[in-house]
C-alpha atoms as a PDB file:
ATOM      1  CA  MET A   1      -0.119  -9.110 -14.853  1.00  0.00           C
ATOM      2  CA  ILE A   2      -2.303  -6.741 -13.053  1.00  0.00           C
ATOM      3  CA  LYS A   3      -4.709  -8.057 -11.274  1.00  0.00           C
ATOM      4  CA  THR A   4      -7.977  -7.137 -10.550  1.00  0.00           C
ATOM      5  CA  MET A   5     -11.428  -7.939  -7.858  1.00  0.00           C
ATOM      6  CA  THR A   6     -14.329 -10.103  -9.960  1.00  0.00           C
ATOM      7  CA  THR A   7     -16.449  -9.822  -6.737  1.00  0.00           C
ATOM      8  CA  VAL A   8     -19.223  -7.883  -8.344  1.00  0.00           C
ATOM      9  CA  ALA A   9     -19.622  -4.705  -5.939  1.00  0.00           C
ATOM     10  CA  VAL A  10     -23.383  -4.256  -4.259  1.00  0.00           C
ATOM     11  CA  ALA A  11     -24.585  -1.469  -1.484  1.00  0.00           C
ATOM     12  CA  LEU A  12     -21.624  -2.041   0.179  1.00  0.00           C
ATOM     13  CA  MET A  13     -18.766  -4.449  -0.084  1.00  0.00           C
ATOM     14  CA  THR A  14     -17.137  -6.000   2.493  1.00  0.00           C
ATOM     15  CA  THR A  15     -12.923  -8.295   2.239  1.00  0.00           C
ATOM     16  CA  VAL A  16     -11.595  -8.991   4.913  1.00  0.00           C
ATOM     17  CA  VAL A  17      -7.999 -10.487   5.471  1.00  0.00           C
ATOM     18  CA  ALA A  18      -7.175 -12.506   8.393  1.00  0.00           C
ATOM     19  CA  LEU A  19      -3.704 -13.488   8.392  1.00  0.00           C
ATOM     20  CA  PRO A  20      -2.394 -15.386  10.766  1.00  0.00           C
ATOM     21  CA  ALA A  21      -1.698 -13.975  14.554  1.00  0.00           C
ATOM     22  CA  LEU A  22       1.634 -14.001  14.493  1.00  0.00           C
ATOM     23  CA  ALA A  23       3.442 -14.706  18.966  1.00  0.00           C
ATOM     24  CA  ASP A  24       2.695 -12.259  20.696  1.00  0.00           C
ATOM     25  CA  ALA A  25       2.149  -8.962  17.945  1.00  0.00           C
ATOM     26  CA  GLU A  26      -0.495  -6.563  19.138  1.00  0.00           C
ATOM     27  CA  ARG A  27      -2.649  -6.971  15.621  1.00  0.00           C
ATOM     28  CA  PRO A  28      -4.508  -3.435  15.016  1.00  0.00           C
ATOM     29  CA  GLN A  29      -7.467  -4.432  13.011  1.00  0.00           C
ATOM     30  CA  VAL A  30      -7.778  -1.964  10.209  1.00  0.00           C
ATOM     31  CA  CYS A  31     -10.810  -1.169   8.187  1.00  0.00           C
ATOM     32  CA  LEU A  32     -10.074   0.520   5.144  1.00  0.00           C
ATOM     33  CA  VAL A  33     -13.510   2.331   3.723  1.00  0.00           C
ATOM     34  CA  MET A  34     -13.517   3.615   0.072  1.00  0.00           C
ATOM     35  CA  LYS A  35     -15.423   4.902  -2.589  1.00  0.00           C
ATOM     36  CA  SER A  36     -16.857   3.013  -5.601  1.00  0.00           C
ATOM     37  CA  LEU A  37     -15.271  -0.256  -6.378  1.00  0.00           C
ATOM     38  CA  SER A  38     -16.951  -0.619  -9.992  1.00  0.00           C
ATOM     39  CA  ASN A  39     -13.776   2.862 -10.274  1.00  0.00           C
ATOM     40  CA  GLU A  40     -10.928   0.621 -11.401  1.00  0.00           C
ATOM     41  CA  PHE A  41      -8.541   2.636  -9.571  1.00  0.00           C
ATOM     42  CA  PHE A  42     -10.541   1.272  -6.092  1.00  0.00           C
ATOM     43  CA  LYS A  43     -10.823  -1.555  -7.772  1.00  0.00           C
ATOM     44  CA  ASP A  44      -6.703  -1.405  -7.894  1.00  0.00           C
ATOM     45  CA  MET A  45      -5.923   0.019  -4.404  1.00  0.00           C
ATOM     46  CA  SER A  46      -8.129  -2.625  -2.720  1.00  0.00           C
ATOM     47  CA  VAL A  47      -5.555  -5.334  -4.548  1.00  0.00           C
ATOM     48  CA  GLY A  48      -2.739  -3.108  -3.147  1.00  0.00           C
ATOM     49  CA  ALA A  49      -4.108  -2.982  -0.417  1.00  0.00           C
ATOM     50  CA  GLU A  50      -4.796  -6.778   0.294  1.00  0.00           C
ATOM     51  CA  GLU A  51      -1.045  -7.473  -1.499  1.00  0.00           C
ATOM     52  CA  TYR A  52       0.178  -5.506   1.151  1.00  0.00           C
ATOM     53  CA  ALA A  53      -1.860  -7.165   4.428  1.00  0.00           C
ATOM     54  CA  ALA A  54      -0.698 -10.048   3.182  1.00  0.00           C
ATOM     55  CA  LYS A  55       2.908  -9.000   3.227  1.00  0.00           C
ATOM     56  CA  ARG A  56       2.760  -7.738   6.507  1.00  0.00           C
ATOM     57  CA  ALA A  57       0.634 -10.576   8.497  1.00  0.00           C
ATOM     58  CA  ASP A  58       0.115  -7.985  10.987  1.00  0.00           C
ATOM     59  CA  PHE A  59      -2.842  -7.291  11.113  1.00  0.00           C
ATOM     60  CA  ASP A  60      -6.511  -7.561  10.540  1.00  0.00           C
ATOM     61  CA  LEU A  61      -7.956  -5.679   7.020  1.00  0.00           C
ATOM     62  CA  LYS A  62     -11.350  -4.991   7.187  1.00  0.00           C
ATOM     63  CA  MET A  63     -12.440  -3.690   3.151  1.00  0.00           C
ATOM     64  CA  VAL A  64     -15.373  -1.139   1.950  1.00  0.00           C
ATOM     65  CA  GLY A  65     -16.267   0.546  -0.800  1.00  0.00           C
ATOM     66  CA  MET A  66     -19.701   2.137  -2.581  1.00  0.00           C
ATOM     67  CA  GLN A  67     -21.926   0.588  -5.232  1.00  0.00           C
ATOM     68  CA  SER A  68     -21.618   3.655  -7.061  1.00  0.00           C
ATOM     69  CA  GLU A  69     -20.030   7.400  -6.178  1.00  0.00           C
ATOM     70  CA  THR A  70     -22.900   9.380  -5.391  1.00  0.00           C
ATOM     71  CA  ASP A  71     -23.617   6.842  -2.861  1.00  0.00           C
ATOM     72  CA  PHE A  72     -22.827   8.724   0.192  1.00  0.00           C
ATOM     73  CA  ASP A  73     -25.063   6.900   2.961  1.00  0.00           C
ATOM     74  CA  ALA A  74     -23.399   3.808   1.215  1.00  0.00           C
ATOM     75  CA  GLN A  75     -20.171   5.229   2.805  1.00  0.00           C
ATOM     76  CA  VAL A  76     -21.628   7.030   6.177  1.00  0.00           C
ATOM     77  CA  ASN A  77     -22.626   3.037   6.719  1.00  0.00           C
ATOM     78  CA  ALA A  78     -19.642   1.866   6.452  1.00  0.00           C
ATOM     79  CA  MET A  79     -17.974   4.269   9.366  1.00  0.00           C
ATOM     80  CA  ASP A  80     -20.470   3.248  11.673  1.00  0.00           C
ATOM     81  CA  THR A  81     -20.470   0.238  11.363  1.00  0.00           C
ATOM     82  CA  CYS A  82     -16.431   0.271  11.722  1.00  0.00           C
ATOM     83  CA  ILE A  83     -16.983   2.181  14.883  1.00  0.00           C
ATOM     84  CA  VAL A  84     -19.598  -0.615  16.490  1.00  0.00           C
ATOM     85  CA  GLU A  85     -17.307  -2.573  15.438  1.00  0.00           C
ATOM     86  CA  GLN A  86     -14.710  -1.199  17.232  1.00  0.00           C
ATOM     87  CA  LYS A  87     -12.191  -1.150  14.999  1.00  0.00           C
ATOM     88  CA  ASP A  88      -8.492  -0.266  15.988  1.00  0.00           C
ATOM     89  CA  ILE A  89      -8.095   2.672  12.762  1.00  0.00           C
ATOM     90  CA  ILE A  90     -10.375   3.558   9.590  1.00  0.00           C
ATOM     91  CA  VAL A  91      -8.178   3.997   6.812  1.00  0.00           C
ATOM     92  CA  LEU A  92     -11.500   7.106   4.999  1.00  0.00           C
ATOM     93  CA  ALA A  93     -10.851   7.574   1.335  1.00  0.00           C
ATOM     94  CA  PRO A  94     -14.438   9.839   1.255  1.00  0.00           C
ATOM     95  CA  ALA A  95     -16.650  10.132  -1.193  1.00  0.00           C
ATOM     96  CA  ASP A  96     -17.675  13.902  -0.177  1.00  0.00           C
ATOM     97  CA  SER A  97     -15.348  16.222   1.867  1.00  0.00           C
ATOM     98  CA  ARG A  98     -17.859  17.746   3.923  1.00  0.00           C
ATOM     99  CA  ALA A  99     -20.520  14.936   4.728  1.00  0.00           C
ATOM    100  CA  MET A 100     -17.419  12.592   5.673  1.00  0.00           C
ATOM    101  CA  VAL A 101     -16.524  15.355   7.822  1.00  0.00           C
ATOM    102  CA  GLY A 102     -19.517  13.888  11.064  1.00  0.00           C
ATOM    103  CA  PRO A 103     -18.483   9.924  10.509  1.00  0.00           C
ATOM    104  CA  ALA A 104     -14.510  10.782  11.029  1.00  0.00           C
ATOM    105  CA  LYS A 105     -15.665  12.395  14.021  1.00  0.00           C
ATOM    106  CA  ARG A 106     -17.621   9.427  15.369  1.00  0.00           C
ATOM    107  CA  ALA A 107     -15.127   7.484  15.093  1.00  0.00           C
ATOM    108  CA  VAL A 108     -11.925   9.974  16.371  1.00  0.00           C
ATOM    109  CA  ASP A 109     -14.458  10.699  19.667  1.00  0.00           C
ATOM    110  CA  ALA A 110     -14.763   6.811  20.007  1.00  0.00           C
ATOM    111  CA  GLY A 111     -10.977   6.150  20.549  1.00  0.00           C
ATOM    112  CA  ILE A 112     -10.568   4.991  17.328  1.00  0.00           C
ATOM    113  CA  THR A 113      -6.836   6.152  14.895  1.00  0.00           C
ATOM    114  CA  VAL A 114      -8.424   7.930  11.556  1.00  0.00           C
ATOM    115  CA  VAL A 115      -6.323   8.212   8.424  1.00  0.00           C
ATOM    116  CA  ASN A 116      -7.356  10.393   5.406  1.00  0.00           C
ATOM    117  CA  PHE A 117      -6.204   9.385   2.603  1.00  0.00           C
ATOM    118  CA  ASP A 118      -6.542  10.106  -1.038  1.00  0.00           C
ATOM    119  CA  VAL A 119      -9.446  12.768  -0.847  1.00  0.00           C
ATOM    120  CA  PRO A 120      -8.708  15.396   1.730  1.00  0.00           C
ATOM    121  CA  LEU A 121     -11.807  15.876   4.179  1.00  0.00           C
ATOM    122  CA  ASP A 122     -12.654  19.924   4.154  1.00  0.00           C
ATOM    123  CA  GLU A 123     -10.456  22.360   6.178  1.00  0.00           C
ATOM    124  CA  GLU A 124     -13.443  24.538   7.252  1.00  0.00           C
ATOM    125  CA  ALA A 125     -15.966  21.553   8.125  1.00  0.00           C
ATOM    126  CA  LYS A 126     -13.519  20.093  10.469  1.00  0.00           C
ATOM    127  CA  ALA A 127     -13.048  23.058  11.907  1.00  0.00           C
ATOM    128  CA  GLN A 128     -16.241  23.375  12.429  1.00  0.00           C
ATOM    129  CA  ALA A 129     -16.802  19.708  14.014  1.00  0.00           C
ATOM    130  CA  GLY A 130     -13.861  20.592  16.325  1.00  0.00           C
ATOM    131  CA  LEU A 131     -11.550  18.128  14.027  1.00  0.00           C
ATOM    132  CA  LYS A 132      -7.850  17.203  13.387  1.00  0.00           C
ATOM    133  CA  LEU A 133      -7.013  15.389  11.072  1.00  0.00           C
ATOM    134  CA  ALA A 134      -3.704  14.568   8.849  1.00  0.00           C
ATOM    135  CA  PHE A 135      -4.485  13.609   5.114  1.00  0.00           C
ATOM    136  CA  VAL A 136      -2.315  11.446   3.672  1.00  0.00           C
ATOM    137  CA  GLY A 137      -2.178  11.920  -0.741  1.00  0.00           C
ATOM    138  CA  PRO A 138      -0.880  13.977  -3.863  1.00  0.00           C
ATOM    139  CA  ASP A 139      -1.127  17.123  -4.705  1.00  0.00           C
ATOM    140  CA  ASN A 140      -4.177  16.966  -7.435  1.00  0.00           C
ATOM    141  CA  ALA A 141      -4.513  20.871  -8.730  1.00  0.00           C
ATOM    142  CA  ALA A 142      -0.702  19.916  -9.675  1.00  0.00           C
ATOM    143  CA  GLY A 143      -1.505  16.515 -11.126  1.00  0.00           C
ATOM    144  CA  ALA A 144      -4.315  18.079 -13.421  1.00  0.00           C
ATOM    145  CA  LYS A 145      -2.164  21.075 -14.944  1.00  0.00           C
ATOM    146  CA  MET A 146       0.393  17.956 -15.593  1.00  0.00           C
ATOM    147  CA  ALA A 147      -2.291  16.632 -17.854  1.00  0.00           C
ATOM    148  CA  GLY A 148      -3.600  20.195 -18.935  1.00  0.00           C
ATOM    149  CA  ASP A 149       0.130  21.185 -19.450  1.00  0.00           C
ATOM    150  CA  LYS A 150       0.372  17.668 -21.856  1.00  0.00           C
ATOM    151  CA  LEU A 151      -2.798  18.538 -24.054  1.00  0.00           C
ATOM    152  CA  ALA A 152      -1.991  22.168 -24.433  1.00  0.00           C
ATOM    153  CA  GLU A 153       1.151  21.233 -25.724  1.00  0.00           C
ATOM    154  CA  VAL A 154       0.177  19.132 -28.235  1.00  0.00           C
ATOM    155  CA  LEU A 155      -3.305  21.226 -29.784  1.00  0.00           C
ATOM    156  CA  GLY A 156      -1.620  24.416 -29.091  1.00  0.00           C
ATOM    157  CA  LYS A 157      -2.519  28.082 -27.682  1.00  0.00           C
ATOM    158  CA  GLY A 158      -6.351  29.249 -28.965  1.00  0.00           C
ATOM    159  CA  ALA A 159      -7.317  25.621 -28.742  1.00  0.00           C
ATOM    160  CA  LYS A 160     -10.848  25.359 -27.746  1.00  0.00           C
ATOM    161  CA  VAL A 161     -11.477  22.556 -24.918  1.00  0.00           C
ATOM    162  CA  VAL A 162     -14.165  21.552 -22.615  1.00  0.00           C
ATOM    163  CA  ILE A 163     -13.772  19.469 -18.598  1.00  0.00           C
ATOM    164  CA  ILE A 164     -15.711  16.626 -17.505  1.00  0.00           C
ATOM    165  CA  GLU A 165     -15.320  17.326 -13.904  1.00  0.00           C
ATOM    166  CA  GLY A 166     -15.559  14.515 -10.530  1.00  0.00           C
ATOM    167  CA  ASN A 167     -18.150  14.565  -7.639  1.00  0.00           C
ATOM    168  CA  PRO A 168     -18.648  18.565  -6.843  1.00  0.00           C
ATOM    169  CA  GLY A 169     -18.515  18.266  -3.320  1.00  0.00           C
ATOM    170  CA  ALA A 170     -15.376  16.404  -3.269  1.00  0.00           C
ATOM    171  CA  ASP A 171     -12.197  18.098  -2.603  1.00  0.00           C
ATOM    172  CA  ASN A 172      -9.970  16.032  -5.227  1.00  0.00           C
ATOM    173  CA  ALA A 173     -12.369  16.995  -7.925  1.00  0.00           C
ATOM    174  CA  LYS A 174     -12.462  20.843  -7.180  1.00  0.00           C
ATOM    175  CA  GLN A 175      -8.698  20.491  -7.323  1.00  0.00           C
ATOM    176  CA  ARG A 176      -8.562  18.676 -10.160  1.00  0.00           C
ATOM    177  CA  LYS A 177     -10.516  21.577 -11.434  1.00  0.00           C
ATOM    178  CA  VAL A 178      -7.867  24.293 -10.217  1.00  0.00           C
ATOM    179  CA  GLY A 179      -5.307  22.360 -12.719  1.00  0.00           C
ATOM    180  CA  PHE A 180      -7.351  22.401 -15.359  1.00  0.00           C
ATOM    181  CA  ASP A 181      -7.626  26.012 -14.873  1.00  0.00           C
ATOM    182  CA  ALA A 182      -4.766  27.113 -14.301  1.00  0.00           C
ATOM    183  CA  ALA A 183      -3.898  24.980 -17.916  1.00  0.00           C
ATOM    184  CA  ILE A 184      -6.195  26.582 -19.944  1.00  0.00           C
ATOM    185  CA  ALA A 185      -4.858  29.877 -18.922  1.00  0.00           C
ATOM    186  CA  GLU A 186      -1.786  30.247 -19.054  1.00  0.00           C
ATOM    187  CA  HIS A 187      -1.955  28.066 -22.296  1.00  0.00           C
ATOM    188  CA  GLY A 188      -4.461  30.578 -23.349  1.00  0.00           C
ATOM    189  CA  LEU A 189      -6.192  27.543 -24.321  1.00  0.00           C
ATOM    190  CA  GLU A 190     -10.830  28.493 -25.072  1.00  0.00           C
ATOM    191  CA  LEU A 191     -12.716  26.344 -22.900  1.00  0.00           C
ATOM    192  CA  LEU A 192     -15.848  25.497 -24.132  1.00  0.00           C
ATOM    193  CA  ASP A 193     -18.124  23.665 -21.340  1.00  0.00           C
ATOM    194  CA  SER A 194     -17.343  22.645 -18.256  1.00  0.00           C
ATOM    195  CA  ARG A 195     -19.672  19.270 -16.149  1.00  0.00           C
ATOM    196  CA  THR A 196     -19.750  17.044 -13.893  1.00  0.00           C
ATOM    197  CA  ALA A 197     -20.876  13.399 -14.611  1.00  0.00           C
ATOM    198  CA  HIS A 198     -19.499  11.947 -11.050  1.00  0.00           C
ATOM    199  CA  TRP A 199     -17.000  10.528 -11.364  1.00  0.00           C
ATOM    200  CA  GLU A 200     -18.466   7.364 -13.717  1.00  0.00           C
ATOM    201  CA  THR A 201     -18.607   6.522 -17.489  1.00  0.00           C
ATOM    202  CA  GLU A 202     -21.815   6.242 -18.747  1.00  0.00           C
ATOM    203  CA  GLU A 203     -22.670   9.587 -17.418  1.00  0.00           C
ATOM    204  CA  ALA A 204     -19.646  11.284 -18.378  1.00  0.00           C
ATOM    205  CA  ASN A 205     -20.288   9.363 -22.158  1.00  0.00           C
ATOM    206  CA  THR A 206     -23.645  10.757 -22.513  1.00  0.00           C
ATOM    207  CA  VAL A 207     -22.399  14.063 -20.675  1.00  0.00           C
ATOM    208  CA  PHE A 208     -19.496  14.674 -22.947  1.00  0.00           C
ATOM    209  CA  THR A 209     -22.310  13.899 -26.372  1.00  0.00           C
ATOM    210  CA  THR A 210     -24.071  16.015 -25.307  1.00  0.00           C
ATOM    211  CA  MET A 211     -20.780  18.620 -25.249  1.00  0.00           C
ATOM    212  CA  LEU A 212     -20.372  17.487 -28.800  1.00  0.00           C
ATOM    213  CA  THR A 213     -23.196  18.016 -30.095  1.00  0.00           C
ATOM    214  CA  ALA A 214     -23.224  21.141 -29.026  1.00  0.00           C
ATOM    215  CA  HIS A 215     -19.875  22.293 -30.238  1.00  0.00           C
ATOM    216  CA  PRO A 216     -18.238  20.083 -32.820  1.00  0.00           C
ATOM    217  CA  ASP A 217     -15.785  22.283 -33.434  1.00  0.00           C
ATOM    218  CA  VAL A 218     -13.815  20.584 -29.678  1.00  0.00           C
ATOM    219  CA  GLN A 219     -10.653  19.572 -29.991  1.00  0.00           C
ATOM    220  CA  GLY A 220      -9.719  18.576 -26.651  1.00  0.00           C
ATOM    221  CA  VAL A 221     -11.287  16.687 -22.769  1.00  0.00           C
ATOM    222  CA  MET A 222     -10.089  17.208 -19.950  1.00  0.00           C
ATOM    223  CA  ALA A 223     -10.763  13.969 -17.754  1.00  0.00           C
ATOM    224  CA  ALA A 224     -10.585  14.883 -13.626  1.00  0.00           C
ATOM    225  CA  ASN A 225     -10.321  10.852 -13.399  1.00  0.00           C
ATOM    226  CA  ASP A 226     -10.092   7.815 -16.400  1.00  0.00           C
ATOM    227  CA  SER A 227     -13.137   5.744 -15.814  1.00  0.00           C
ATOM    228  CA  MET A 228     -14.871   9.839 -16.919  1.00  0.00           C
ATOM    229  CA  ALA A 229     -12.312   9.619 -19.962  1.00  0.00           C
ATOM    230  CA  LEU A 230     -13.342   5.833 -21.273  1.00  0.00           C
ATOM    231  CA  GLY A 231     -16.422   8.091 -21.325  1.00  0.00           C
ATOM    232  CA  VAL A 232     -14.817  10.643 -23.596  1.00  0.00           C
ATOM    233  CA  VAL A 233     -13.391   7.788 -25.843  1.00  0.00           C
ATOM    234  CA  LYS A 234     -16.494   5.830 -26.477  1.00  0.00           C
ATOM    235  CA  ALA A 235     -18.034   8.455 -27.754  1.00  0.00           C
ATOM    236  CA  ILE A 236     -15.723  10.163 -29.978  1.00  0.00           C
ATOM    237  CA  GLU A 237     -15.479   7.117 -31.217  1.00  0.00           C
ATOM    238  CA  ALA A 238     -19.256   6.275 -31.628  1.00  0.00           C
ATOM    239  CA  ALA A 239     -18.953   9.978 -33.477  1.00  0.00           C
ATOM    240  CA  GLY A 240     -16.518   8.995 -35.886  1.00  0.00           C
ATOM    241  CA  LEU A 241     -13.800  11.343 -34.262  1.00  0.00           C
ATOM    242  CA  THR A 242     -11.000   9.007 -33.094  1.00  0.00           C
ATOM    243  CA  GLY A 243      -7.852  10.692 -33.166  1.00  0.00           C
ATOM    244  CA  LYS A 244      -9.528  13.913 -33.463  1.00  0.00           C
ATOM    245  CA  ILE A 245     -10.079  15.049 -30.578  1.00  0.00           C
ATOM    246  CA  GLN A 246      -6.772  14.626 -28.132  1.00  0.00           C
ATOM    247  CA  VAL A 247      -8.077  13.368 -24.069  1.00  0.00           C
ATOM    248  CA  VAL A 248      -6.579  13.397 -21.198  1.00  0.00           C
ATOM    249  CA  GLY A 249      -7.030  11.408 -17.120  1.00  0.00           C
ATOM    250  CA  PHE A 250      -6.061  11.234 -14.143  1.00  0.00           C
ATOM    251  CA  ASP A 251      -6.080   7.192 -12.108  1.00  0.00           C
ATOM    252  CA  ASN A 252      -3.972   5.270 -14.883  1.00  0.00           C
ATOM    253  CA  ILE A 253      -6.540   2.360 -14.437  1.00  0.00           C
ATOM    254  CA  PRO A 254      -5.476  -0.664 -16.151  1.00  0.00           C
ATOM    255  CA  ALA A 255      -8.228   0.011 -18.284  1.00  0.00           C
ATOM    256  CA  ILE A 256      -6.828   3.326 -19.859  1.00  0.00           C
ATOM    257  CA  ARG A 257      -3.403   2.273 -20.420  1.00  0.00           C
ATOM    258  CA  PRO A 258      -3.824   0.235 -23.713  1.00  0.00           C
ATOM    259  CA  MET A 259      -5.657   3.182 -24.427  1.00  0.00           C
ATOM    260  CA  VAL A 260      -2.431   5.973 -23.806  1.00  0.00           C
ATOM    261  CA  GLU A 261      -0.623   3.290 -25.661  1.00  0.00           C
ATOM    262  CA  ASP A 262      -2.531   3.255 -29.159  1.00  0.00           C
ATOM    263  CA  GLY A 263      -2.994   6.729 -28.810  1.00  0.00           C
ATOM    264  CA  ARG A 264      -6.857   7.088 -28.016  1.00  0.00           C
ATOM    265  CA  VAL A 265      -5.764   9.020 -24.975  1.00  0.00           C
ATOM    266  CA  LEU A 266      -2.655  11.477 -24.403  1.00  0.00           C
ATOM    267  CA  ALA A 267      -2.107  11.347 -21.432  1.00  0.00           C
ATOM    268  CA  THR A 268      -3.150  10.187 -17.406  1.00  0.00           C
ATOM    269  CA  VAL A 269      -1.781  11.061 -14.181  1.00  0.00           C
ATOM    270  CA  ASP A 270      -0.379   8.163 -12.079  1.00  0.00           C
ATOM    271  CA  GLN A 271      -1.153   8.680  -8.423  1.00  0.00           C
ATOM    272  CA  PHE A 272       0.208   5.303  -7.680  1.00  0.00           C
ATOM    273  CA  GLY A 273      -3.286   3.810  -5.323  1.00  0.00           C
ATOM    274  CA  ARG A 274      -1.655   0.692  -4.479  1.00  0.00           C
ATOM    275  CA  ASP A 275       0.956   2.365  -3.060  1.00  0.00           C
ATOM    276  CA  MET A 276      -1.412   5.508  -1.243  1.00  0.00           C
ATOM    277  CA  ALA A 277      -3.280   2.340  -0.031  1.00  0.00           C
ATOM    278  CA  ALA A 278      -0.939   0.351   1.763  1.00  0.00           C
ATOM    279  CA  ASP A 279       0.928   3.736   2.617  1.00  0.00           C
ATOM    280  CA  ALA A 280      -1.922   5.280   4.272  1.00  0.00           C
ATOM    281  CA  ILE A 281      -2.664   2.070   5.813  1.00  0.00           C
ATOM    282  CA  ASN A 282       1.378   2.409   7.068  1.00  0.00           C
ATOM    283  CA  ARG A 283       0.532   5.783   8.828  1.00  0.00           C
ATOM    284  CA  GLY A 284      -2.142   4.192  10.550  1.00  0.00           C
ATOM    285  CA  ILE A 285      -0.566   2.186  12.512  1.00  0.00           C
ATOM    286  CA  GLU A 286       2.369   3.278  13.434  1.00  0.00           C
ATOM    287  CA  SER A 287      -0.332   6.226  14.916  1.00  0.00           C
ATOM    288  CA  PHE A 288      -2.121   3.776  16.668  1.00  0.00           C
ATOM    289  CA  ARG A 289       1.202   2.635  18.115  1.00  0.00           C
ATOM    290  CA  SER A 290       2.683   5.419  18.710  1.00  0.00           C
ATOM    291  CA  GLY A 291       0.158   7.286  20.191  1.00  0.00           C
ATOM    292  CA  THR A 292       1.186  10.160  18.386  1.00  0.00           C
ATOM    293  CA  PRO A 293      -0.863  11.742  15.860  1.00  0.00           C
ATOM    294  CA  LEU A 294      -0.549  12.514  11.947  1.00  0.00           C
ATOM    295  CA  GLU A 295       0.313  15.882  10.901  1.00  0.00           C
ATOM    296  CA  GLY A 296      -0.347  18.254   8.189  1.00  0.00           C
ATOM    297  CA  TRP A 297      -0.669  16.968   4.206  1.00  0.00           C
ATOM    298  CA  VAL A 298       2.280  13.957   4.235  1.00  0.00           C
ATOM    299  CA  THR A 299       2.025  13.778  -0.053  1.00  0.00           C
ATOM    300  CA  THR A 300       2.212  11.590  -2.224  1.00  0.00           C
ATOM    301  CA  GLU A 301       4.025  10.438  -5.225  1.00  0.00           C
ATOM    302  CA  ILE A 302       2.472  11.719  -9.026  1.00  0.00           C
ATOM    303  CA  LYS A 303       3.707  11.011 -12.103  1.00  0.00           C
ATOM    304  CA  LEU A 304       2.377  12.118 -16.127  1.00  0.00           C
ATOM    305  CA  VAL A 305       2.169   9.216 -18.120  1.00  0.00           C
ATOM    306  CA  THR A 306       2.379   9.237 -22.349  1.00  0.00           C
ATOM    307  CA  LYS A 307       2.822   6.908 -24.572  1.00  0.00           C
ATOM    308  CA  ASN A 308       6.125   8.373 -24.701  1.00  0.00           C
END
C-alpha cells in the first residue's frame, strides 16, 4: 500500500523528522529541499525520505517543498533558511537549474555539504559561480527515449505526435525533450507541436486541449512527467477520445499506475523517487562525515513501466 502525505502544501511546506539521539553518535542535520509537494512524485519522495530517516535514526531531517513548480523564489528562500539554520547537509532537487546555483554556492561557502539530486544544476552557471557539485540522479534523456520508443512501437512510422514539456529552465525538462526528439527522429514520427505546461496537471490539460483543437489528427502524446500526463488524459476523456490517442509519461507516480493498467496511459518511466532521495541523503551523510566531496555524475536507476 502506498502512503502519501496528507498535509496541504502552502508557499513552503516543512516537515521535521526528529528522532531520539543514539548514544555517542554524530547526528547530522539534513535539509531536503524538493520541488512542488502538490506533485505526486515529490509527495512520494518525501514519504521515502521520512521512512529512511526513521530506519536509520542517526540524523535529523527537515523537508521543504514549494506550492507550485514555478515558485522559484520559495525554493531560494528555503535554501537560505537552511543556511541560516546552519544545517550540516542540504540535499537539493532544483526547480530551476540556473536559478538555484546561487543559493547552492552560498550554502557551500557557508561550509554546508550540498548534494544536487534529481535535476542537475546548469554546468555553465556552476562554472561561472565557481561551484563544483556532483549530480545524483537518472539519465533523463535515456528515460524519455525509452518512453518514446514504446510509443513509436505501438503507433508505427509516420504517426503524428505532440510533446508536453516541463519547466524550460529545468535541465531534466530539456533532457526529456532531447530523448523524445531522438525517438521521433529514429522512428520517423511526425511532431505536430511541442509546448511547456511547467510540470502542472491543469496547465497540461489546457495546453493539450488547445493542441487537440489545432491538430485533431494527433495520435500520440509524450508528456515529460506524469502530472502532466494526468492532465492530458483528462482532456482526452473530455473529448471522447479515450483509447484513440496514446500517452506516455515519466515518473511512475501512484496516480498514473491505474491508468497504465487500464490502458489510458501506454507507458511511464520509473525513476524510483523514494530510493533516489534516500540515496542522495546517504551520500550526503557519507561526504559530510568523511570530508570527501562527491564527484561527477552518480547515475540512478530508471525503468520503463507498461501494462505487460
